[in-house]
Amino acid sequence: MGHHWYFGCFLKFSLLSIFFLPLKSLRFDRYGFFCVPPFLLYIYTSCFFFKFSIPSSIMNPIEINPEQDKVCDADQKIIPNGGVRAGQDGDVEVGKSSENKEDSDSTEVNKTPDSDVAKEADHQINCNGHNKYIPTSKAQVHLPKPEPPKPKMERSQSLSIAESMPSIGKYIRDRSSSFSAAIRNRLSSVKEGSGDFVLKNDSLNFEVTEFKIPGVKVIVKLKSEEERLEDQIRGRITLFTKSNCEHSIAARQFFKAKGLRYKEINIDVFTKSGHELMERTGSCEVPQIFFNDSLIGGLATLKSLSESGELHEKMKELLGPKCPEEAPKAPVYGINDEEDKEDGLVGVVRFLRQSLPIQDRLIKMKMVKSCFAGPDMVEAIINHLDCGRRKGIATAKVMAQNHFIHHVFGENDFENGNHYYRFLEHEPFIMGCFNFRSSTNDNEPKPASFMADRLSKLMFSIVEMDGYVSDDRLHVDYFRISKSEEFRRYINLTRDLQRINLQLFTPNERLAFFLNLYNAMVIHAVISIGHPEGILDNKAFFLDFQYVIGGYPHSLSIIENGILRNNRKSPYSLTKPFSKGDRRLHLVPMKVNPLIHFGLCKGTRSSPKLRFFTAHNVEDELISAAKDYFQSDGIKIDRELRTVYLTRIIKWFSQDFGGQEKEILEWVLNYLEGRNAKLLKTMLGDRDPITIVYQDYDWSGNL
């Protein structure tokens, strides 16, 4: 071992003695200088004296991190700053110094001139793993090359989730690939006679309907011929139709049965498209079918192509390419086709609205709001038009007839004298009308017949459009209707009703108009305020939901009981809808037609189907509606009990059906067919008493 080993021990002891030296050994002298005890001075002098004889491997040790001073014997540590740490088996790890830039195979970290010193260092390493002064050795070729520690990664340099975690998409692809492979293997192993295959079309070789894999049941459905044809179609089928047209309905059903998508253009809704159809075909006859920009023809041509088998080839040929610009243009939504004209008196009316002294007045012991005096209006008209009094009065009368102004008590249209009037927008009822939007419609009123025809066509288009109303017309999708272009145009149409002249209607036009308007208002009411669910809701639904029509308010109850029922009391009501002198009495028909009750849809499950009517055929359509209602749970007859079960509608409005039970049954008999007609006719001929039981009415919505 030599004297070096003893000197090393002495040096360790000296250093430890300095570390554990009591603090009281260190003191200051009287002059304030720091005093070192003699024995410490001796130790420091000895260290300086023997410094030049100590090998460099001892006097220049490799510094080790103090935190790594205590090491488990079973561990091997790489020292960050370079050096060697011993493990359990005596193996040596080499830490590459950060200052050494050369290859570790050709350069030593710290050179040792004496091989004995290296042996002595090896002995110290084998003794324990805690020696801080360990000589380094050459890097061995067979050992792995040490690598510097990886720098800390910033947030921006961190690995993405896709790199650090298994990819879900990759997992799904792998699983689906293995599953597909299993299916292919299964298909390849199945024989045609095993029963797993069903031959349905020789041209398709075979069609696999079902096969089994252990633990999995797979059903494969091949596309039909129509579905494969639709996949090859890139163009557009355009169908021109009209409302309430049997051939148009048949054309829709044809495409629906074939599963073919088409673009329908109803020329009764989109009136400008009717002009385009006239330019392309030379007539407005419908239906007309276009494949892209090629005219195919009507329904007869379509059926002929289908029966001859040429339809698919025709579609592949004409509908294969994308739809060109020369094809019929799709209608533009949100834009009205009709052009409105301002009323000729709008300029005078606007001047009067700004110049007349409009204020609240006490008239005949009543407080009347927002009114003005008739003479004041005449003077304002004379000054504005620079005309005589006679023309001023005549102009005021025309304004009253066009419902720009009304008498505050409804006594007259306009008379020269001390009377008071107010504008339509100042009427107390106007804010509760659902066809009023902040201001009245000042456009020129459209003819009553045009409005009735336009209303029926819009409503027919709604019930005929696929998805809005069920085929039996007992269920209505109010939400889809509310989002449709047809309903938007209907809402715009209702604004034209504000100043319509209802006196120009013929009896049939008036009947069809108010039947259609009632059913349309029910749709609007359900969309706006919802279905009635109780007595209070019935009041809000049938009494408070109003339109301003012809200058006056009209609710559902007013239309049904005041106009259609000849001003009769509604069920459980004590008063008539119209009092004496009401300006709406001229709309009341001469007599009541009981069939109207089967044409009014109240939006409930027990009400008749949703229907709309035409002015020229309204009577026959009402008869058809009554027969249809009695055929579908409207009546039930028990011959043994001699009991007839009728709808509660007849009980509520028994006065319209004759009042007495026998008269009611005789009226009902006229609209029965088949077995029920024979049974009721036999029971009435027996002259024995017949009991009438009225069925419960279901007020839930016809959704």
Foldseek 3Di string as FASTA:
>chain_A
DPVLVVVVVVLVVLVVCVVPPDPVQWDADPVRHTDHDPVNVVVVVVCVVCVVVHFPLQVPFDAADPVCLDDDQQDADAGQQWDWFAHNVLDIDTHDHPVDPDDLQVDWPDDGPDVVVLVVLSVVRVVDRRDRRHDTDGDDPPDDDDDHDDDDDDPVRDDDCPVPDPDPVVVVVVVVVVVVVQVVVVVVPDDPPPPQWDADDVVVVTDGQWDDDVVDTDGDDDDDPLVVLQVQFQEAKEWEAFFPDPQSLVVVVVCVVSVHDHAYDHCLLVVVLQVVVCVLPVDSDDTWIDLQARTQGHPVSVVVCVVVVNPSVVRNVRRNDYRDPNHRDHDDFPDDPDDFAFDPCPVLLVQCVPPFDFAWDQDPNDIQHGKGWPVSQLVSQCVVVVDDSVVSQVVQLVCLLQQQKAFSVNPDSDDPDGTMIHGLVPDPLQVLEPLDDPDADRTDQDALLVLLVSLLRLVSCQCSDPPQADPQQLAGDLVVLVVDRSVVVVSVSLSSQQRYDPVPDDPLSLLQSLLSVLLNLLSVLCVPPNFQDDDVSCCCQFPRHWGRGNSRTDGSCCSVQVQQQQQDDFFPDDHTPDDPSDPCNVRHDPHHDVLSQLSHDNQFNQGHGDDHDDSVCRVVVSLVSLLVSVVPPQWDADLVVLEIEHACVCVRPVVNQPVDPLSNLVSSLVSYDDPVNVSSVVSVVVVDDHHYHYDDGTRHGSD
